[in-house]
Amino acid sequence: MTAAWTRRDKFFGWKALAVSSVMYFAMTGLLLYSFPVFLPFLCEAFGWSRASVSWANSFAMAVTGIASPVAGMYVARRGARKSIALGGILCLLCFVVAGFHTRLWQLYLAYGLLFGLGGSLCGMLSMTTVVNNWFVRRRPLALSVLLTAGGLGGVVIVKGLVAIIDRFGWRNAYLLIAAMIFVLLVLLPALLVVNKPEDLGQLPDGGPAAGKAASAPGARKLEGTPVDFTAAEAVRTPAFWWLTVLSTTFMIGLQGFMLHQVAFLLDIGISAAVAGSVYSLFVGVSTAGRLGMGFLGIRYPTRTLAIVSMLLLIAGMAVVLWAKTLPAIFFYNILIGLGMGGTYVATMNLMPLYFGKTHYPRIFGIALPFFTILGSVGSPLTGWIRDITGSYATAWKLAILGLAIGLAALIFARPPVH
């Protein structure tokens, strides 16, 4: 790492955020959202059913969730820089194996073991740890930039992968992803990531003003606990479990809508072209919601903003139940997009806000399995209800119920007292 890159006379946090955003952009696009792109090509090449191939992704999610507590301890002890690089190496090996595999069990091994373990080390846990270490007063804004970069990665990189597969074939596309992972998730963190400001003799947010601001009651409400909780202390508070319920119900309620909205629109007679445009609108508004939450979170309490965002989500899902015309469809996508983007950033900010940054990797690693594993149920459950009843109405009602439970959990999740 060059001396010019880590100049001690200038606040390094914005560089840390820029590097983390590039890595998260790559991680979401290359790792999280690439599997559905390859799925039809694998089925065509080997004659496998879509269900059998989909199990590889399910195994990866399960292993990521199970390994998250261990990943949290590793990040806390070794730092996010080593964790991201190690996770990147495991994910690189996953895509190399996928590029040469000829048996279904090899695909399961690549995704279930290598990708599952690697994703737990180089994913959201490590990325948000870097941001939480460098920012306190501006944490909502920094987290919103990071999470927005992740959302853009899912849009931009996926489109590029389709073109690469069409031109060079799916095996070469897997190997190209492996090469990109080596550069962006192994070399980049190893060379440019600094775990925390103390490593450079700096303070969060760029100076001693952070410590002075925290002494004011209003600032303390925005910046969080003055005394950091250990993981053992955090899990003994009701607030930790209420926040876990919030994140889990949020994931369950939104996964079904996100993956089935286009199919729902086709069911009610909307053309495929218009349905695609509606989905693009949803993605764009969700991105605006993430950025908006970041700027608002600097001035207003995150919990209050999260409650407003959840109310927007529930209102949007209620509109879905009777939406038949394009104005109503656009209206509910605006409500849900803003609510989803705002809630996503807020929930990522509430854990460090309530429990501090010192033990955040361990604390978040304990909560992560719940909304990673249970949250994955939302999409197949929504599809199953549609197959059984011939309509998405029951699924949307259950999503509203789940989000209402999440809102209640958020209201009960008051800041704990150390």
Protein backbone atom coordinates (compact mmCIF):
# COMPACT_ATOMS: atom_id res chain seq x y z
CA MET A 1 0.00 0.00 0.00
CA THR A 2 1.59 3.27 -1.12
CA ALA A 3 2.23 6.15 1.28
CA ALA A 4 0.46 8.54 -1.08
CA TRP A 5 -2.72 6.44 -0.92
CA THR A 6 -2.77 6.44 2.89
CA ARG A 7 -1.67 10.01 3.63
CA ARG A 8 -2.23 10.61 7.33
CA ASP A 9 -2.92 14.32 6.93
CA LYS A 10 -6.11 13.68 4.93
CA PHE A 11 -9.18 11.76 6.05
CA PHE A 12 -9.05 8.31 4.44
CA GLY A 13 -12.69 7.40 5.06
CA TRP A 14 -13.99 8.57 1.69
CA LYS A 15 -11.35 6.49 -0.08
CA ALA A 16 -12.34 3.53 2.09
CA LEU A 17 -15.97 4.08 1.08
CA ALA A 18 -15.05 4.34 -2.61
CA VAL A 19 -13.06 1.08 -2.53
CA SER A 20 -15.81 -0.69 -0.56
CA SER A 21 -18.43 0.52 -3.04
CA VAL A 22 -16.43 -0.80 -6.01
CA MET A 23 -16.02 -4.16 -4.26
CA TYR A 24 -19.70 -4.34 -3.30
CA PHE A 25 -20.67 -3.39 -6.87
CA ALA A 26 -18.59 -6.32 -8.12
CA MET A 27 -19.71 -8.70 -5.39
CA THR A 28 -23.43 -8.25 -6.02
CA GLY A 29 -23.17 -8.28 -9.81
CA LEU A 30 -20.62 -11.08 -10.22
CA LEU A 31 -21.65 -13.27 -7.28
CA LEU A 32 -25.19 -12.67 -6.04
CA TYR A 33 -27.04 -11.93 -9.30
CA SER A 34 -25.09 -14.01 -11.81
CA PHE A 35 -26.60 -17.41 -10.98
CA PRO A 36 -30.02 -16.82 -12.65
CA VAL A 37 -28.19 -15.75 -15.84
CA PHE A 38 -26.30 -19.05 -16.08
CA LEU A 39 -29.22 -21.28 -15.02
CA PRO A 40 -30.91 -21.76 -18.44
CA PHE A 41 -27.57 -22.38 -20.17
CA LEU A 42 -26.66 -25.12 -17.67
CA CYS A 43 -30.04 -26.77 -18.09
CA GLU A 44 -29.68 -26.72 -21.89
CA ALA A 45 -26.08 -27.98 -21.86
CA PHE A 46 -26.64 -30.97 -19.55
CA GLY A 47 -30.37 -31.61 -19.75
CA TRP A 48 -30.82 -30.93 -16.04
CA SER A 49 -34.10 -29.65 -14.65
CA ARG A 50 -34.33 -26.07 -13.44
CA ALA A 51 -35.22 -27.26 -9.97
CA SER A 52 -32.10 -29.44 -9.70
CA VAL A 53 -29.81 -26.62 -10.86
CA SER A 54 -31.55 -24.12 -8.54
CA TRP A 55 -30.59 -26.23 -5.54
CA ALA A 56 -26.98 -25.11 -6.01
CA ASN A 57 -28.01 -21.52 -5.26
CA SER A 58 -30.12 -22.66 -2.30
CA PHE A 59 -27.15 -24.58 -0.85
CA ALA A 60 -25.00 -21.46 -1.22
CA MET A 61 -27.51 -19.32 0.69
CA ALA A 62 -27.83 -21.92 3.45
CA VAL A 63 -24.06 -22.29 3.89
CA THR A 64 -23.61 -18.50 3.87
CA GLY A 65 -26.18 -18.14 6.62
CA ILE A 66 -24.76 -20.95 8.73
CA ALA A 67 -21.18 -19.71 8.35
CA SER A 68 -22.01 -16.06 9.12
CA PRO A 69 -21.36 -16.24 12.91
CA VAL A 70 -17.92 -17.74 12.26
CA ALA A 71 -17.28 -15.13 9.56
CA GLY A 72 -18.23 -12.42 12.05
CA MET A 73 -15.66 -13.69 14.54
CA TYR A 74 -13.01 -13.84 11.79
CA VAL A 75 -13.72 -10.24 10.73
CA ALA A 76 -13.56 -9.08 14.35
CA ARG A 77 -10.19 -10.78 14.93
CA ARG A 78 -8.42 -10.44 11.56
CA GLY A 79 -10.13 -7.43 10.06
CA ALA A 80 -12.34 -6.94 7.01
CA ARG A 81 -9.38 -6.63 4.62
CA LYS A 82 -8.19 -10.20 5.15
CA SER A 83 -11.75 -11.49 5.29
CA ILE A 84 -12.70 -9.99 1.92
CA ALA A 85 -9.52 -11.24 0.25
CA LEU A 86 -9.94 -14.76 1.66
CA GLY A 87 -13.60 -14.84 0.66
CA GLY A 88 -12.66 -13.61 -2.80
CA ILE A 89 -10.19 -16.49 -3.21
CA LEU A 90 -12.87 -19.03 -2.28
CA CYS A 91 -15.36 -17.45 -4.71
CA LEU A 92 -12.69 -17.39 -7.42
CA LEU A 93 -12.22 -21.14 -6.95
CA CYS A 94 -16.00 -21.58 -7.14
CA PHE A 95 -16.19 -20.05 -10.60
CA VAL A 96 -13.11 -21.93 -11.83
CA VAL A 97 -14.74 -25.24 -10.79
CA ALA A 98 -18.03 -24.10 -12.36
CA GLY A 99 -16.21 -23.31 -15.60
CA PHE A 100 -14.98 -26.91 -15.92
CA HIS A 101 -17.71 -28.92 -14.18
CA THR A 102 -19.49 -31.78 -15.92
CA ARG A 103 -21.50 -33.30 -13.03
CA LEU A 104 -24.29 -31.86 -10.95
CA TRP A 105 -22.52 -32.66 -7.68
CA GLN A 106 -19.55 -30.58 -8.85
CA LEU A 107 -21.87 -27.60 -9.31
CA TYR A 108 -23.26 -28.16 -5.82
CA LEU A 109 -19.71 -28.33 -4.44
CA ALA A 110 -18.69 -25.13 -6.21
CA TYR A 111 -21.66 -23.06 -5.09
CA GLY A 112 -22.69 -24.78 -1.88
CA LEU A 113 -19.25 -25.01 -0.27
CA LEU A 114 -16.84 -22.60 -1.98
CA PHE A 115 -19.29 -19.83 -2.80
CA GLY A 116 -21.24 -20.29 0.44
CA LEU A 117 -18.14 -19.92 2.62
CA GLY A 118 -16.57 -17.26 0.42
CA GLY A 119 -19.75 -15.17 0.33
CA SER A 120 -19.99 -15.15 4.12
CA LEU A 121 -16.45 -13.72 4.30
CA CYS A 122 -16.47 -11.16 1.47
CA GLY A 123 -20.12 -10.14 1.51
CA MET A 124 -22.25 -7.56 3.27
CA LEU A 125 -20.84 -8.35 6.73
CA SER A 126 -17.28 -7.32 5.81
CA MET A 127 -18.25 -4.43 3.55
CA THR A 128 -20.51 -2.78 6.11
CA THR A 129 -17.88 -3.33 8.81
CA VAL A 130 -15.42 -1.15 6.88
CA VAL A 131 -18.01 1.62 6.51
CA ASN A 132 -19.11 1.41 10.16
CA ASN A 133 -15.50 1.69 11.31
CA TRP A 134 -14.81 4.84 9.31
CA PHE A 135 -18.10 6.72 9.78
CA VAL A 136 -20.32 7.58 12.75
CA ARG A 137 -22.02 10.93 12.11
CA ARG A 138 -22.14 10.28 8.36
CA ARG A 139 -22.78 6.54 8.65
CA PRO A 140 -26.30 6.66 7.10
CA LEU A 141 -24.96 8.49 4.05
CA ALA A 142 -21.95 6.17 3.72
CA LEU A 143 -24.09 3.05 4.05
CA SER A 144 -26.57 4.37 1.49
CA VAL A 145 -23.73 4.92 -1.03
CA LEU A 146 -22.41 1.41 -0.40
CA LEU A 147 -25.81 -0.28 -0.74
CA THR A 148 -26.69 1.77 -3.80
CA ALA A 149 -23.48 0.60 -5.47
CA GLY A 150 -24.55 -2.98 -4.75
CA GLY A 151 -27.92 -2.43 -6.38
CA LEU A 152 -26.33 -0.89 -9.47
CA GLY A 153 -23.96 -3.85 -9.73
CA GLY A 154 -26.92 -6.19 -10.04
CA VAL A 155 -28.29 -4.15 -12.94
CA VAL A 156 -25.15 -3.24 -14.88
CA ILE A 157 -23.06 -6.41 -14.60
CA VAL A 158 -25.93 -8.82 -15.29
CA LYS A 159 -26.62 -7.16 -18.63
CA GLY A 160 -22.97 -7.49 -19.53
CA LEU A 161 -22.88 -11.17 -18.55
CA VAL A 162 -25.71 -12.01 -20.93
CA ALA A 163 -23.74 -10.49 -23.82
CA ILE A 164 -20.54 -12.30 -22.77
CA ILE A 165 -22.29 -15.69 -22.58
CA ASP A 166 -23.90 -15.18 -25.97
CA ARG A 167 -20.53 -14.41 -27.57
CA PHE A 168 -18.02 -16.58 -25.72
CA GLY A 169 -20.10 -19.35 -24.10
CA TRP A 170 -20.99 -19.97 -20.46
CA ARG A 171 -17.76 -21.80 -19.57
CA ASN A 172 -15.56 -18.91 -20.69
CA ALA A 173 -17.91 -16.51 -18.94
CA TYR A 174 -17.35 -18.37 -15.65
CA LEU A 175 -13.57 -18.11 -16.10
CA LEU A 176 -13.83 -14.41 -16.94
CA ILE A 177 -15.78 -13.84 -13.72
CA ALA A 178 -13.04 -15.69 -11.82
CA ALA A 179 -10.43 -13.32 -13.29
CA MET A 180 -12.52 -10.27 -12.37
CA ILE A 181 -12.96 -11.58 -8.83
CA PHE A 182 -9.18 -11.93 -8.52
CA VAL A 183 -8.71 -8.28 -9.42
CA LEU A 184 -11.69 -6.73 -7.58
CA LEU A 185 -12.16 -8.98 -4.54
CA VAL A 186 -8.63 -10.30 -3.90
CA LEU A 187 -6.03 -7.77 -5.11
CA LEU A 188 -8.12 -4.64 -4.50
CA PRO A 189 -8.88 -5.30 -0.80
CA ALA A 190 -5.39 -6.67 -0.14
CA LEU A 191 -3.76 -3.51 -1.51
CA LEU A 192 -6.16 -0.66 -0.78
CA VAL A 193 -8.46 -1.49 2.17
CA VAL A 194 -7.66 -0.05 5.61
CA ASN A 195 -9.76 -1.69 8.30
CA LYS A 196 -10.30 1.25 10.65
CA PRO A 197 -9.19 4.86 11.15
CA GLU A 198 -7.08 3.97 14.19
CA ASP A 199 -4.74 2.06 11.85
CA LEU A 200 -3.76 5.41 10.32
CA GLY A 201 -3.91 7.43 13.51
CA GLN A 202 -7.23 8.99 12.46
CA LEU A 203 -10.74 9.23 13.94
CA PRO A 204 -14.13 8.31 12.42
CA ASP A 205 -15.64 11.01 10.20
CA GLY A 206 -12.30 12.78 9.91
CA GLY A 207 -11.51 14.44 13.18
CA PRO A 208 -12.11 15.09 16.86
CA ALA A 209 -15.41 16.80 16.08
CA ALA A 210 -17.06 13.41 16.15
CA GLY A 211 -16.15 12.96 19.78
CA LYS A 212 -17.40 16.44 20.68
CA ALA A 213 -20.63 16.03 18.77
CA ALA A 214 -21.39 12.78 20.55
CA SER A 215 -21.59 14.61 23.86
CA ALA A 216 -24.69 16.50 22.77
CA PRO A 217 -28.02 14.71 23.46
CA GLY A 218 -29.30 15.29 19.92
CA ALA A 219 -26.09 14.01 18.37
CA ARG A 220 -26.07 10.98 20.65
CA LYS A 221 -29.55 10.08 19.45
CA LEU A 222 -28.35 10.15 15.83
CA GLU A 223 -24.97 8.50 16.39
CA GLY A 224 -25.98 5.76 18.80
CA THR A 225 -24.80 4.14 21.99
CA PRO A 226 -21.95 5.87 23.86
CA VAL A 227 -20.78 2.47 25.16
CA ASP A 228 -20.32 -0.43 22.73
CA PHE A 229 -22.04 -3.74 23.50
CA THR A 230 -20.28 -7.09 23.27
CA ALA A 231 -22.00 -9.81 21.25
CA ALA A 232 -23.06 -11.60 24.45
CA GLU A 233 -24.54 -8.38 25.83
CA ALA A 234 -26.32 -7.53 22.57
CA VAL A 235 -28.11 -10.89 22.21
CA ARG A 236 -29.46 -10.51 25.74
CA THR A 237 -31.31 -7.32 24.79
CA PRO A 238 -34.86 -7.39 23.36
CA ALA A 239 -33.77 -4.79 20.79
CA PHE A 240 -31.41 -7.27 19.06
CA TRP A 241 -34.19 -9.81 18.53
CA TRP A 242 -36.74 -7.19 17.48
CA LEU A 243 -34.28 -5.94 14.85
CA THR A 244 -33.69 -9.52 13.70
CA VAL A 245 -37.45 -10.04 13.34
CA LEU A 246 -37.67 -6.79 11.38
CA SER A 247 -34.92 -7.79 8.93
CA THR A 248 -36.30 -11.32 8.51
CA THR A 249 -39.89 -10.25 7.78
CA PHE A 250 -38.61 -7.51 5.49
CA MET A 251 -36.66 -10.07 3.46
CA ILE A 252 -39.53 -12.58 3.33
CA GLY A 253 -42.10 -9.96 2.36
CA LEU A 254 -40.02 -8.31 -0.37
CA GLN A 255 -38.32 -11.34 -1.96
CA GLY A 256 -41.59 -12.68 -3.33
CA PHE A 257 -42.64 -9.31 -4.75
CA MET A 258 -39.27 -8.58 -6.36
CA LEU A 259 -38.98 -11.93 -8.13
CA HIS A 260 -42.63 -12.33 -9.12
CA GLN A 261 -43.78 -8.83 -10.01
CA VAL A 262 -43.20 -9.25 -13.76
CA ALA A 263 -45.12 -12.56 -13.73
CA PHE A 264 -47.91 -10.88 -11.75
CA LEU A 265 -48.16 -8.06 -14.30
CA LEU A 266 -48.35 -10.58 -17.14
CA ASP A 267 -51.16 -12.36 -15.26
CA ILE A 268 -53.27 -9.19 -15.12
CA GLY A 269 -52.83 -8.48 -18.83
CA ILE A 270 -49.85 -6.12 -18.92
CA SER A 271 -47.53 -6.61 -21.89
CA ALA A 272 -44.01 -7.95 -21.38
CA ALA A 273 -42.45 -4.69 -22.62
CA VAL A 274 -44.43 -2.57 -20.17
CA ALA A 275 -43.75 -5.05 -17.35
CA GLY A 276 -40.03 -4.69 -18.01
CA SER A 277 -40.31 -0.91 -17.91
CA VAL A 278 -42.21 -1.10 -14.64
CA TYR A 279 -39.46 -3.25 -13.13
CA SER A 280 -36.85 -0.72 -14.25
CA LEU A 281 -38.88 2.02 -12.58
CA PHE A 282 -38.95 0.00 -9.37
CA VAL A 283 -35.15 -0.47 -9.41
CA GLY A 284 -34.59 3.23 -10.09
CA VAL A 285 -36.92 4.42 -7.33
CA SER A 286 -35.39 1.91 -4.91
CA THR A 287 -31.95 3.39 -5.68
CA ALA A 288 -33.30 6.88 -5.02
CA GLY A 289 -34.77 5.63 -1.73
CA ARG A 290 -31.37 4.32 -0.62
CA LEU A 291 -29.61 7.59 -1.37
CA GLY A 292 -32.42 9.64 0.13
CA MET A 293 -32.24 7.68 3.38
CA GLY A 294 -28.52 8.41 3.55
CA PHE A 295 -28.97 12.19 3.40
CA LEU A 296 -31.99 12.20 5.73
CA GLY A 297 -30.24 9.90 8.21
CA ILE A 298 -27.65 12.60 8.92
CA ARG A 299 -30.34 14.97 10.21
CA TYR A 300 -33.16 12.76 11.52
CA PRO A 301 -33.30 9.64 13.74
CA THR A 302 -32.85 6.45 11.73
CA ARG A 303 -35.57 4.57 13.62
CA THR A 304 -38.16 7.25 12.78
CA LEU A 305 -37.15 7.19 9.12
CA ALA A 306 -37.33 3.38 9.14
CA ILE A 307 -40.90 3.50 10.48
CA VAL A 308 -41.91 5.90 7.70
CA SER A 309 -40.23 3.64 5.12
CA MET A 310 -42.06 0.57 6.42
CA LEU A 311 -45.38 2.45 6.25
CA LEU A 312 -44.64 3.29 2.60
CA LEU A 313 -43.91 -0.39 1.93
CA ILE A 314 -47.14 -1.58 3.50
CA ALA A 315 -49.16 1.09 1.71
CA GLY A 316 -47.59 0.11 -1.61
CA MET A 317 -48.33 -3.60 -1.10
CA ALA A 318 -51.94 -2.71 -0.24
CA VAL A 319 -52.23 -0.87 -3.57
CA VAL A 320 -50.91 -3.99 -5.36
CA LEU A 321 -54.04 -5.88 -4.26
CA TRP A 322 -56.35 -3.77 -6.42
CA ALA A 323 -53.96 -2.34 -9.03
CA LYS A 324 -55.21 -3.04 -12.57
CA THR A 325 -54.34 0.16 -14.44
CA LEU A 326 -50.95 1.57 -15.34
CA PRO A 327 -51.25 4.67 -13.09
CA ALA A 328 -51.96 2.42 -10.09
CA ILE A 329 -49.08 0.10 -11.06
CA PHE A 330 -46.65 3.00 -11.34
CA PHE A 331 -47.95 4.41 -8.05
CA TYR A 332 -47.37 1.24 -6.04
CA ASN A 333 -43.89 0.79 -7.55
CA ILE A 334 -42.96 4.29 -6.39
CA LEU A 335 -44.26 3.61 -2.87
CA ILE A 336 -42.61 0.19 -2.59
CA GLY A 337 -39.37 1.36 -4.22
CA LEU A 338 -38.97 4.29 -1.83
CA GLY A 339 -40.01 2.18 1.16
CA MET A 340 -37.72 -0.70 0.27
CA GLY A 341 -34.68 1.48 -0.39
CA GLY A 342 -35.18 3.45 2.81
CA THR A 343 -35.83 0.41 5.00
CA TYR A 344 -32.83 -1.44 3.58
CA VAL A 345 -30.40 1.34 4.51
CA ALA A 346 -32.10 1.94 7.87
CA THR A 347 -31.94 -1.70 8.98
CA MET A 348 -28.24 -1.85 8.13
CA ASN A 349 -27.67 1.28 10.22
CA LEU A 350 -29.69 0.29 13.29
CA MET A 351 -27.37 -2.53 14.46
CA PRO A 352 -24.24 -0.35 14.78
CA LEU A 353 -26.39 2.54 16.00
CA TYR A 354 -27.79 0.47 18.88
CA PHE A 355 -24.78 -1.68 19.76
CA GLY A 356 -21.70 0.20 18.51
CA LYS A 357 -19.01 -0.64 15.97
CA THR A 358 -16.45 -2.47 18.10
CA HIS A 359 -18.23 -5.84 18.10
CA TYR A 360 -20.48 -5.20 15.10
CA PRO A 361 -19.09 -8.11 12.99
CA ARG A 362 -19.88 -10.67 15.72
CA ILE A 363 -23.31 -9.16 16.47
CA PHE A 364 -24.37 -8.88 12.84
CA GLY A 365 -22.94 -12.34 12.13
CA ILE A 366 -25.33 -13.83 14.71
CA ALA A 367 -28.36 -12.09 13.17
CA LEU A 368 -27.45 -12.77 9.54
CA PRO A 369 -28.41 -16.49 9.40
CA PHE A 370 -32.01 -15.68 10.33
CA PHE A 371 -32.81 -13.30 7.49
CA THR A 372 -30.48 -15.02 5.01
CA ILE A 373 -32.00 -18.49 5.38
CA LEU A 374 -35.56 -17.61 6.38
CA GLY A 375 -35.65 -14.70 3.95
CA SER A 376 -35.01 -17.04 1.04
CA VAL A 377 -38.40 -18.67 1.71
CA GLY A 378 -40.31 -15.65 0.38
CA SER A 379 -39.85 -16.27 -3.32
CA PRO A 380 -40.64 -20.02 -3.52
CA LEU A 381 -43.58 -19.53 -1.13
CA THR A 382 -45.01 -16.82 -3.38
CA GLY A 383 -44.63 -19.05 -6.44
CA TRP A 384 -46.20 -22.01 -4.64
CA ILE A 385 -49.24 -19.94 -3.63
CA ARG A 386 -49.64 -18.75 -7.24
CA ASP A 387 -49.45 -22.34 -8.52
CA ILE A 388 -52.02 -23.60 -5.99
CA THR A 389 -54.54 -20.76 -6.08
CA GLY A 390 -54.02 -19.42 -9.60
CA SER A 391 -53.52 -15.90 -8.20
CA TYR A 392 -50.92 -13.86 -6.32
CA ALA A 393 -53.55 -12.18 -4.09
CA THR A 394 -53.01 -14.48 -1.09
CA ALA A 395 -49.24 -14.09 -1.38
CA TRP A 396 -49.51 -10.30 -1.36
CA LYS A 397 -51.79 -10.41 1.70
CA LEU A 398 -49.27 -12.59 3.53
CA ALA A 399 -46.50 -10.18 2.52
CA ILE A 400 -48.50 -7.30 4.04
CA LEU A 401 -48.99 -9.32 7.22
CA GLY A 402 -45.26 -10.06 7.40
CA LEU A 403 -44.33 -6.41 6.86
CA ALA A 404 -46.85 -5.37 9.53
CA ILE A 405 -45.12 -7.75 11.96
CA GLY A 406 -41.81 -6.18 10.97
CA LEU A 407 -43.21 -2.69 11.61
CA ALA A 408 -44.41 -3.77 15.06
CA ALA A 409 -40.96 -5.22 15.79
CA LEU A 410 -39.37 -1.94 14.72
CA ILE A 411 -41.65 0.03 17.04
CA PHE A 412 -40.74 -2.27 19.95
CA ALA A 413 -37.01 -2.12 19.09
CA ARG A 414 -36.14 0.85 21.22
CA PRO A 415 -32.44 1.73 21.74
CA PRO A 416 -31.04 -0.44 24.54
CA VAL A 417 -29.31 1.02 27.57
CA HIS A 418 -25.89 -0.47 28.30
